[in-house]
Protein backbone atom coordinates (compact mmCIF):
# COMPACT_ATOMS: atom_id res chain seq x y z
CA MET A 1 35.44 10.06 6.05
CA GLN A 2 33.23 12.48 3.95
CA GLY A 3 30.94 9.60 3.67
CA TYR A 4 30.87 9.04 7.16
CA SER A 5 30.57 12.97 7.97
CA ASP A 6 27.29 12.66 5.93
CA VAL A 7 25.97 9.86 7.28
CA ASN A 8 25.81 11.28 10.91
CA LYS A 9 24.29 14.76 9.46
CA LEU A 10 21.55 12.75 8.04
CA LYS A 11 20.62 10.76 11.21
CA LYS A 12 20.35 14.36 13.07
CA TYR A 13 17.58 15.46 10.45
CA VAL A 14 16.09 11.68 10.47
CA SER A 15 15.98 12.18 14.15
CA PHE A 16 14.17 15.28 14.30
CA PHE A 17 11.51 13.57 11.61
CA ARG A 18 10.90 10.82 13.73
CA LEU A 19 10.48 12.83 17.06
CA ARG A 20 8.07 15.05 15.31
CA PHE A 21 6.10 12.28 13.56
CA VAL A 22 5.22 10.29 16.67
CA MET A 23 4.48 13.66 18.23
CA GLY A 24 2.04 14.63 15.60
CA LEU A 25 0.45 10.93 15.80
CA GLN A 26 -0.66 12.02 19.47
CA TYR A 27 -3.38 14.49 18.78
CA ARG A 28 -6.23 12.14 17.53
CA THR A 29 -8.70 14.59 18.83
CA ALA A 30 -7.86 17.18 16.81
CA ALA A 31 -7.55 14.57 13.81
CA PHE A 32 -11.21 13.36 14.47
CA ALA A 33 -12.51 17.18 14.35
CA GLY A 34 -10.42 17.81 11.09
CA ILE A 35 -12.24 14.61 9.17
CA ALA A 36 -15.63 15.97 10.55
CA THR A 37 -14.78 19.60 9.41
CA GLN A 38 -13.13 18.00 5.70
CA PHE A 39 -16.01 15.73 5.29
CA ALA A 40 -18.44 18.53 5.60
CA TRP A 41 -16.55 20.74 3.31
CA GLY A 42 -16.14 17.96 0.98
CA PHE A 43 -19.86 17.45 0.54
CA MET A 44 -20.29 20.88 -0.01
CA GLU A 45 -18.01 21.32 -2.69
CA ILE A 46 -19.41 18.37 -4.61
CA THR A 47 -23.06 19.55 -3.90
CA VAL A 48 -21.86 23.15 -5.50
CA PHE A 49 -20.17 21.59 -8.45
CA HIS A 50 -23.10 19.17 -9.05
CA ALA A 51 -25.46 21.88 -9.46
CA PHE A 52 -23.04 23.74 -11.66
CA ASN A 53 -22.56 20.50 -14.15
CA ASN A 54 -26.55 20.41 -14.22
CA THR A 55 -26.80 23.92 -15.43
CA ASP A 56 -24.39 23.62 -17.98
CA PRO A 57 -22.56 20.09 -18.73
CA ALA A 58 -20.74 21.26 -21.77
CA ALA A 59 -18.92 24.18 -19.88
CA PHE A 60 -17.44 21.56 -17.16
CA PRO A 61 -13.98 21.17 -17.91
CA MET A 62 -13.57 17.64 -16.00
CA GLY A 63 -15.89 14.53 -15.81
CA PHE A 64 -18.14 14.95 -12.79
CA GLY A 65 -16.47 11.57 -11.60
CA GLN A 66 -12.95 13.00 -11.86
CA LEU A 67 -14.18 16.33 -9.95
CA ALA A 68 -15.60 13.96 -7.15
CA SER A 69 -12.09 12.18 -6.85
CA TYR A 70 -10.23 15.41 -6.90
CA VAL A 71 -12.15 16.87 -4.06
CA TRP A 72 -11.87 13.83 -1.98
CA MET A 73 -8.38 13.43 -2.29
CA GLN A 74 -7.72 16.91 -1.64
CA GLN A 75 -9.62 16.25 1.64
CA ALA A 76 -8.16 13.29 2.45
CA PHE A 77 -4.57 14.83 1.99
CA LEU A 78 -5.11 18.47 2.64
CA ALA A 79 -2.53 18.34 5.27
CA LEU A 80 0.08 17.95 2.98
CA PHE A 81 -0.86 20.73 0.71
CA MET A 82 -2.46 23.25 3.20
CA THR A 83 -0.12 26.60 2.95
CA TRP A 84 -1.50 28.01 5.81
CA PHE A 85 -0.24 25.33 8.29
CA MET A 86 2.98 26.53 9.48
CA GLU A 87 4.63 26.02 12.86
CA ASN A 88 3.74 28.97 15.47
CA GLU A 89 6.80 27.60 17.32
CA ILE A 90 9.16 28.21 14.39
CA PHE A 91 7.99 32.14 14.37
CA ASP A 92 7.50 32.54 18.07
CA SER A 93 11.49 31.55 18.23
CA ILE A 94 12.10 34.11 15.67
CA MET A 95 10.22 36.95 17.46
CA ASP A 96 11.09 36.23 20.99
CA GLY A 97 14.86 35.25 20.40
CA ASN A 98 14.87 31.80 21.27
CA ILE A 99 16.54 30.91 17.86
CA CYS A 100 19.61 31.55 19.78
CA TYR A 101 19.13 28.01 21.49
CA GLU A 102 18.84 26.70 17.60
CA LEU A 103 21.99 28.54 16.60
CA CYS A 104 23.63 26.88 19.51
CA ARG A 105 23.26 23.23 17.67
CA PRO A 106 25.82 21.70 15.03
CA ILE A 107 22.62 21.48 12.35
CA ASP A 108 21.64 23.44 9.49
CA ILE A 109 18.53 25.33 10.39
CA TYR A 110 17.03 25.02 7.12
CA ASP A 111 17.11 21.42 6.85
CA MET A 112 15.91 21.08 10.56
CA TRP A 113 12.99 23.01 9.83
CA PHE A 114 12.39 21.31 6.64
CA ALA A 115 12.80 17.54 8.35
CA ARG A 116 10.03 18.95 11.01
CA SER A 117 7.54 20.23 8.45
CA VAL A 118 7.40 17.01 6.45
CA ALA A 119 7.09 15.30 9.63
CA ASN A 120 4.19 17.42 10.80
CA ARG A 121 2.45 17.17 7.69
CA SER A 122 2.91 13.17 7.24
CA SER A 123 1.66 12.44 10.52
CA ARG A 124 -1.51 14.81 10.45
CA ALA A 125 -2.25 13.31 6.74
CA LEU A 126 -1.93 9.68 8.22
CA LEU A 127 -4.55 10.09 10.87
CA ARG A 128 -7.11 11.99 8.48
CA CYS A 129 -6.65 10.04 5.16
CA VAL A 130 -7.73 6.40 5.94
CA PRO A 131 -11.42 7.38 7.05
CA ILE A 132 -11.97 9.77 4.32
CA LEU A 133 -11.07 7.66 1.72
CA LEU A 134 -13.00 4.62 3.32
CA VAL A 135 -16.07 6.55 3.27
CA ALA A 136 -15.27 7.96 -0.16
CA PHE A 137 -15.02 4.89 -1.85
CA LEU A 138 -18.49 3.82 -0.48
CA LEU A 139 -20.17 6.61 -1.62
CA PRO A 140 -22.36 5.70 -5.04
CA GLU A 141 -21.63 7.04 -8.47
CA PRO A 142 -20.61 9.83 -9.51
CA TYR A 143 -20.23 11.30 -5.83
CA GLY A 144 -17.62 9.25 -4.64
CA MET A 145 -14.35 8.05 -5.38
CA MET A 146 -12.80 6.59 -8.60
CA LEU A 147 -9.71 3.96 -8.64
CA PRO A 148 -7.21 5.05 -10.93
CA LYS A 149 -7.22 3.47 -14.51
CA ASP A 150 -4.15 1.89 -14.04
CA PHE A 151 -1.01 0.92 -11.84
CA ASN A 152 1.04 3.48 -13.61
CA ALA A 153 -1.27 6.37 -12.75
CA PHE A 154 -1.27 5.55 -9.38
CA GLY A 155 2.65 5.17 -9.46
CA CYS A 156 2.49 8.74 -10.94
CA PHE A 157 0.30 9.92 -8.20
CA LEU A 158 2.20 8.57 -5.13
CA ILE A 159 6.00 10.25 -6.59
CA SER A 160 3.95 13.48 -7.62
CA THR A 161 2.42 13.57 -4.08
CA MET A 162 5.75 13.47 -2.70
CA LEU A 163 6.78 16.22 -5.06
CA ALA A 164 4.00 18.50 -4.38
CA MET A 165 4.20 18.20 -0.70
CA THR A 166 8.05 19.20 -1.00
CA VAL A 167 6.87 22.02 -3.32
CA THR A 168 4.26 23.49 -0.33
CA ILE A 169 7.21 22.99 2.18
CA SER A 170 9.76 24.61 0.16
CA MET A 171 7.20 27.72 -0.17
CA CYS A 172 6.35 27.60 3.57
CA MET A 173 10.03 27.55 4.25
CA LEU A 174 10.36 30.93 2.31
CA VAL A 175 8.01 32.51 4.56
CA TYR A 176 9.73 31.32 7.63
CA MET A 177 13.08 32.72 6.07
CA LEU A 178 11.38 36.04 5.26
CA SER A 179 10.44 36.17 8.62
CA PHE A 180 13.74 37.41 9.65
CA PHE A 181 13.36 40.34 8.08
CA THR A 182 9.89 41.57 9.52
CA VAL A 183 8.55 43.05 12.31
CA SER A 184 5.68 40.55 12.78
CA PRO A 185 5.37 37.39 10.34
CA GLN A 186 1.43 37.96 10.51
CA GLY A 187 1.17 40.06 7.46
CA LEU A 188 3.73 37.85 5.49
CA ARG A 189 1.82 34.78 6.41
CA LEU A 190 -1.60 36.13 5.42
CA ILE A 191 -0.84 37.15 2.25
CA PHE A 192 0.98 33.84 1.31
CA SER A 193 -2.04 31.50 2.39
CA MET A 194 -4.48 33.42 0.69
CA THR A 195 -2.67 33.98 -2.48
CA ALA A 196 -1.78 30.37 -2.41
CA GLU A 197 -5.00 29.13 -1.65
CA ILE A 198 -6.20 30.73 -4.86
CA LEU A 199 -3.70 29.87 -7.37
CA GLN A 200 -3.17 25.91 -6.31
CA GLY A 201 -6.43 24.99 -6.64
CA ILE A 202 -7.71 24.38 -3.25
CA VAL A 203 -10.76 27.05 -3.70
CA ILE A 204 -11.70 26.00 -7.45
CA PRO A 205 -9.36 23.68 -9.15
CA ILE A 206 -7.44 25.05 -11.94
CA PRO A 207 -8.83 23.55 -14.69
CA PHE A 208 -12.01 25.98 -14.21
CA PHE A 209 -10.03 28.91 -14.73
CA PRO A 210 -10.31 30.54 -18.30
CA PRO A 211 -7.81 29.18 -20.79
CA ARG A 212 -5.60 31.77 -20.72
CA VAL A 213 -5.20 32.31 -17.29
CA ARG A 214 -5.13 28.47 -16.57
CA GLN A 215 -1.92 28.42 -19.08
CA ILE A 216 -0.26 30.70 -16.43
CA LEU A 217 -1.13 29.53 -13.39
CA GLU A 218 0.09 25.90 -14.51
CA LEU A 219 3.55 27.08 -14.63
CA LEU A 220 3.67 28.73 -11.45
CA PRO A 221 4.97 26.98 -8.60
CA PHE A 222 1.47 26.83 -6.41
CA ALA A 223 0.09 25.06 -9.63
CA SER A 224 2.91 22.39 -8.96
CA MET A 225 1.40 21.51 -5.26
CA GLU A 226 -1.91 19.77 -4.95
CA ASN A 227 -3.20 20.27 -8.50
CA VAL A 228 -0.98 18.22 -10.15
CA PRO A 229 -1.12 14.78 -8.15
CA LEU A 230 -4.93 15.32 -7.72
CA ARG A 231 -5.41 15.52 -11.58
CA ILE A 232 -3.03 12.90 -12.44
CA TYR A 233 -4.85 10.54 -9.76
CA SER A 234 -8.49 11.53 -11.33
CA GLY A 235 -7.25 10.97 -14.97
CA HIS A 236 -7.63 14.44 -16.06
CA ILE A 237 -3.77 14.52 -17.20
CA SER A 238 -1.91 11.16 -17.94
CA GLY A 239 0.94 10.53 -20.36
CA GLY A 240 3.22 13.24 -21.69
CA GLU A 241 0.99 15.79 -19.88
CA ALA A 242 1.58 14.31 -16.89
CA ALA A 243 5.52 13.51 -16.95
CA LYS A 244 5.78 17.57 -18.07
CA ALA A 245 3.89 18.24 -14.85
CA MET A 246 6.15 16.05 -12.24
CA LEU A 247 9.38 17.55 -14.42
CA LEU A 248 8.09 21.13 -13.31
CA GLN A 249 7.42 20.16 -9.80
CA ILE A 250 11.23 19.03 -9.64
CA PHE A 251 12.23 22.24 -11.34
CA TRP A 252 10.34 24.03 -8.76
CA ILE A 253 11.52 22.01 -5.67
CA LEU A 254 15.14 23.19 -6.80
CA VAL A 255 14.39 26.54 -7.51
CA LEU A 256 12.66 27.11 -4.31
CA ILE A 257 15.04 25.18 -1.84
CA ALA A 258 18.25 26.94 -3.58
CA ILE A 259 16.31 30.31 -2.67
CA GLY A 260 15.22 29.46 0.58
CA LYS A 261 18.89 28.60 1.64
CA LEU A 262 20.50 31.68 0.11
CA ILE A 263 17.77 33.70 2.22
CA CYS A 264 18.92 31.54 5.41
CA ARG A 265 22.53 31.90 4.67
CA ARG A 266 21.84 35.80 4.24
CA ALA A 267 19.53 35.89 7.76
CA MET A 268 22.00 33.95 9.80
CA LYS A 269 24.22 36.61 8.74
CA LYS A 270 22.27 39.17 10.12
CA VAL A 271 20.03 37.96 12.86
CA THR A 272 20.29 39.80 16.07
CA VAL A 273 19.13 38.45 19.35
CA GLN A 274 18.26 40.99 22.26
CA GLY A 275 20.56 43.45 20.69
CA GLY A 276 23.44 40.88 20.80
């Protein structure tokens, strides 16, 4: 009976995922606009780093081909890792009291929002990644994409990408949960997004930080987002170093989800809707 109950619970969240995933695939115009933006940003980044590489190649911590692959994979799968992408619908439901409708359902709020976030990010990434990767592979060396050095590296990249997306969503879930204790979530969102954008390697890849700073950053949960899978794909980390980075991703997933669920339980005990 317990197994049957667990299967029924799982079906609920699979349904939420499927509905949100299909809904996300409908926004094709937004996807085309996003693709154009990501191409422009990708070319700009590569141009800047190319100038840096020409100025002092010895100070460049990655091969330029590795960096180009890093940048194009970053743009192709940006929707999976961008921390500023959070659902306004969730924040609105917390602020205006519509959360009461969610609380009436026989579901876990945390798990439902988590499933929705996975679906939203996956659908957006699916619409954007194929055109970007196709063009990136057609670009001449060293500006285009490189293939991973072997099948094992590609397999590690796929696993690490799923783990990185899970870490990203787990971090965003903390923002959702903490919003129950604020008058407005805007300040919380802004601080989190700006901090994560720098520390996860979106603005500057983590290998470009000074060695001592990089060693600290690589231990933080932010580095377990896009930094790990993109460096695995580009070949900048491999073997035992990649395995350690993936184990750290798993560690942060367990820690962040545990903290998020703890805050969620506390919020559900204290949540007040229209003074009730």
